[in-house]
Amino acid sequence: MNDTKQKTVSFVAVLGAFLVVGALVYAMKHYTRPPALNKARVEERKKALAEVQAADQEGLQTYGWADPAKGLVRLKIDRAMELTLAEYKNPAAARSNLVSRADKAGAPAPKINYE
């Protein structure tokens, strides 16, 4: 009889623990849910996405300066791929050229003397 009573108490304790955890999960889900998006916020996000995508396309499809201080230019993606394929006909020279360009791109900008 004592063994049955102990099993019942253990079962009720485990069940209670699961119910408490379930209630906590429900409460956290309820209180941490972000507010619903209204139409104005949806339009704002769509506009921001369109601006980012336009800037990405401009970066891929136009020439320009990436970092004028270091003399780095941005090429059209098609032209950059053509140059890369042509350069890698000699892999050893291409690797050394790539390393030197990476060093140049990662170097700190020259200090400007304002005197």
C-alpha atoms as a PDB file:
ATOM      1  CA  MET A   1       0.000   0.000   0.000  1.00  0.00           C
ATOM      2  CA  ASN A   2       2.807   2.360   0.854  1.00  0.00           C
ATOM      3  CA  ASP A   3       4.481   1.668  -2.524  1.00  0.00           C
ATOM      4  CA  THR A   4       1.278   2.499  -4.452  1.00  0.00           C
ATOM      5  CA  LYS A   5       0.864   5.733  -2.523  1.00  0.00           C
ATOM      6  CA  GLN A   6       4.465   6.735  -3.279  1.00  0.00           C
ATOM      7  CA  LYS A   7       3.989   6.021  -7.013  1.00  0.00           C
ATOM      8  CA  THR A   8       0.809   8.102  -7.056  1.00  0.00           C
ATOM      9  CA  VAL A   9       2.512  11.026  -5.330  1.00  0.00           C
ATOM     10  CA  SER A  10       5.467  10.797  -7.752  1.00  0.00           C
ATOM     11  CA  PHE A  11       3.121  10.695 -10.746  1.00  0.00           C
ATOM     12  CA  VAL A  12       1.207  13.743  -9.512  1.00  0.00           C
ATOM     13  CA  ALA A  13       4.491  15.612  -8.855  1.00  0.00           C
ATOM     14  CA  VAL A  14       5.835  14.868 -12.344  1.00  0.00           C
ATOM     15  CA  LEU A  15       2.501  15.783 -13.937  1.00  0.00           C
ATOM     16  CA  GLY A  16       2.436  19.030 -11.942  1.00  0.00           C
ATOM     17  CA  ALA A  17       5.980  19.873 -13.056  1.00  0.00           C
ATOM     18  CA  PHE A  18       5.013  19.361 -16.709  1.00  0.00           C
ATOM     19  CA  LEU A  19       1.928  21.536 -16.264  1.00  0.00           C
ATOM     20  CA  VAL A  20       3.994  24.312 -14.668  1.00  0.00           C
ATOM     21  CA  VAL A  21       6.531  24.187 -17.532  1.00  0.00           C
ATOM     22  CA  GLY A  22       3.700  24.186 -20.081  1.00  0.00           C
ATOM     23  CA  ALA A  23       2.124  27.230 -18.424  1.00  0.00           C
ATOM     24  CA  LEU A  24       5.478  29.040 -18.440  1.00  0.00           C
ATOM     25  CA  VAL A  25       5.994  28.274 -22.138  1.00  0.00           C
ATOM     26  CA  TYR A  26       2.502  29.556 -22.940  1.00  0.00           C
ATOM     27  CA  ALA A  27       3.088  32.735 -20.919  1.00  0.00           C
ATOM     28  CA  MET A  28       6.463  33.404 -22.561  1.00  0.00           C
ATOM     29  CA  LYS A  29       4.971  32.870 -25.999  1.00  0.00           C
ATOM     30  CA  HIS A  30       2.175  35.288 -25.179  1.00  0.00           C
ATOM     31  CA  TYR A  31       4.344  38.050 -23.660  1.00  0.00           C
ATOM     32  CA  THR A  32       7.254  37.903 -26.125  1.00  0.00           C
ATOM     33  CA  ARG A  33       5.215  37.901 -29.338  1.00  0.00           C
ATOM     34  CA  PRO A  34       6.070  40.938 -31.500  1.00  0.00           C
ATOM     35  CA  PRO A  35       3.211  43.219 -32.491  1.00  0.00           C
ATOM     36  CA  ALA A  36       1.403  42.401 -35.701  1.00  0.00           C
ATOM     37  CA  LEU A  37       2.588  44.202 -38.824  1.00  0.00           C
ATOM     38  CA  ASN A  38       0.202  46.825 -40.040  1.00  0.00           C
ATOM     39  CA  LYS A  39      -0.119  47.884 -43.653  1.00  0.00           C
ATOM     40  CA  ALA A  40       2.148  50.928 -43.233  1.00  0.00           C
ATOM     41  CA  ARG A  41       4.942  48.791 -41.744  1.00  0.00           C
ATOM     42  CA  VAL A  42       4.575  46.231 -44.547  1.00  0.00           C
ATOM     43  CA  GLU A  43       4.909  48.981 -47.161  1.00  0.00           C
ATOM     44  CA  GLU A  44       7.914  50.451 -45.340  1.00  0.00           C
ATOM     45  CA  ARG A  45       9.657  47.070 -45.310  1.00  0.00           C
ATOM     46  CA  LYS A  46       8.877  46.473 -49.008  1.00  0.00           C
ATOM     47  CA  LYS A  47      10.316  49.899 -49.873  1.00  0.00           C
ATOM     48  CA  ALA A  48      13.476  49.206 -47.848  1.00  0.00           C
ATOM     49  CA  LEU A  49      13.900  45.819 -49.546  1.00  0.00           C
ATOM     50  CA  ALA A  50      13.482  47.389 -52.991  1.00  0.00           C
ATOM     51  CA  GLU A  51      16.126  50.017 -52.136  1.00  0.00           C
ATOM     52  CA  VAL A  52      18.596  47.358 -50.973  1.00  0.00           C
ATOM     53  CA  GLN A  53      17.999  45.238 -54.065  1.00  0.00           C
ATOM     54  CA  ALA A  54      18.424  48.279 -56.348  1.00  0.00           C
ATOM     55  CA  ALA A  55      21.713  49.161 -54.644  1.00  0.00           C
ATOM     56  CA  ASP A  56      22.893  45.559 -55.040  1.00  0.00           C
ATOM     57  CA  GLN A  57      22.033  45.550 -58.731  1.00  0.00           C
ATOM     58  CA  GLU A  58      23.751  48.891 -59.208  1.00  0.00           C
ATOM     59  CA  GLY A  59      26.862  47.504 -57.540  1.00  0.00           C
ATOM     60  CA  LEU A  60      26.865  44.465 -59.794  1.00  0.00           C
ATOM     61  CA  GLN A  61      26.032  46.196 -63.061  1.00  0.00           C
ATOM     62  CA  THR A  62      28.013  49.453 -62.976  1.00  0.00           C
ATOM     63  CA  TYR A  63      31.583  50.639 -62.805  1.00  0.00           C
ATOM     64  CA  GLY A  64      32.670  52.857 -59.932  1.00  0.00           C
ATOM     65  CA  TRP A  65      35.085  53.465 -57.114  1.00  0.00           C
ATOM     66  CA  ALA A  66      35.067  50.948 -54.283  1.00  0.00           C
ATOM     67  CA  ASP A  67      37.737  52.856 -52.328  1.00  0.00           C
ATOM     68  CA  PRO A  68      39.285  55.834 -54.095  1.00  0.00           C
ATOM     69  CA  ALA A  69      41.891  56.355 -51.363  1.00  0.00           C
ATOM     70  CA  LYS A  70      43.341  52.894 -52.052  1.00  0.00           C
ATOM     71  CA  GLY A  71      42.752  53.051 -55.811  1.00  0.00           C
ATOM     72  CA  LEU A  72      40.199  50.194 -55.783  1.00  0.00           C
ATOM     73  CA  VAL A  73      37.529  50.168 -58.472  1.00  0.00           C
ATOM     74  CA  ARG A  74      34.305  48.211 -58.845  1.00  0.00           C
ATOM     75  CA  LEU A  75      33.759  46.364 -62.133  1.00  0.00           C
ATOM     76  CA  LYS A  76      30.625  44.990 -63.715  1.00  0.00           C
ATOM     77  CA  ILE A  77      30.195  41.388 -62.595  1.00  0.00           C
ATOM     78  CA  ASP A  78      30.356  40.034 -66.159  1.00  0.00           C
ATOM     79  CA  ARG A  79      33.618  41.848 -66.860  1.00  0.00           C
ATOM     80  CA  ALA A  80      35.086  40.764 -63.514  1.00  0.00           C
ATOM     81  CA  MET A  81      34.310  37.112 -64.307  1.00  0.00           C
ATOM     82  CA  GLU A  82      35.920  37.428 -67.756  1.00  0.00           C
ATOM     83  CA  LEU A  83      39.081  38.917 -66.259  1.00  0.00           C
ATOM     84  CA  THR A  84      39.215  36.243 -63.557  1.00  0.00           C
ATOM     85  CA  LEU A  85      38.910  33.409 -66.073  1.00  0.00           C
ATOM     86  CA  ALA A  86      41.604  34.962 -68.268  1.00  0.00           C
ATOM     87  CA  GLU A  87      43.899  35.501 -65.282  1.00  0.00           C
ATOM     88  CA  TYR A  88      43.532  31.929 -64.000  1.00  0.00           C
ATOM     89  CA  LYS A  89      45.030  30.460 -67.163  1.00  0.00           C
ATOM     90  CA  ASN A  90      48.238  30.787 -65.148  1.00  0.00           C
ATOM     91  CA  PRO A  91      47.091  29.749 -61.625  1.00  0.00           C
ATOM     92  CA  ALA A  92      50.353  30.509 -59.802  1.00  0.00           C
ATOM     93  CA  ALA A  93      50.517  34.081 -61.113  1.00  0.00           C
ATOM     94  CA  ALA A  94      46.805  34.547 -60.449  1.00  0.00           C
ATOM     95  CA  ARG A  95      47.180  33.446 -56.812  1.00  0.00           C
ATOM     96  CA  SER A  96      50.134  35.767 -56.170  1.00  0.00           C
ATOM     97  CA  ASN A  97      48.258  38.638 -57.839  1.00  0.00           C
ATOM     98  CA  LEU A  98      45.194  37.898 -55.709  1.00  0.00           C
ATOM     99  CA  VAL A  99      47.276  37.914 -52.523  1.00  0.00           C
ATOM    100  CA  SER A 100      48.897  41.239 -53.410  1.00  0.00           C
ATOM    101  CA  ARG A 101      45.498  42.803 -54.217  1.00  0.00           C
ATOM    102  CA  ALA A 102      44.040  41.490 -50.947  1.00  0.00           C
ATOM    103  CA  ASP A 103      46.976  42.987 -49.039  1.00  0.00           C
ATOM    104  CA  LYS A 104      46.441  46.302 -50.806  1.00  0.00           C
ATOM    105  CA  ALA A 105      42.687  46.266 -50.106  1.00  0.00           C
ATOM    106  CA  GLY A 106      43.195  45.396 -46.440  1.00  0.00           C
ATOM    107  CA  ALA A 107      45.947  47.924 -45.816  1.00  0.00           C
ATOM    108  CA  PRO A 108      45.075  50.914 -43.654  1.00  0.00           C
ATOM    109  CA  ALA A 109      44.246  54.092 -45.530  1.00  0.00           C
ATOM    110  CA  PRO A 110      47.120  56.551 -45.953  1.00  0.00           C
ATOM    111  CA  LYS A 111      47.290  59.261 -43.311  1.00  0.00           C
ATOM    112  CA  ILE A 112      46.390  62.729 -44.521  1.00  0.00           C
ATOM    113  CA  ASN A 113      48.462  65.636 -43.299  1.00  0.00           C
ATOM    114  CA  TYR A 114      46.229  68.704 -42.921  1.00  0.00           C
ATOM    115  CA  GLU A 115      49.054  71.184 -42.407  1.00  0.00           C
END
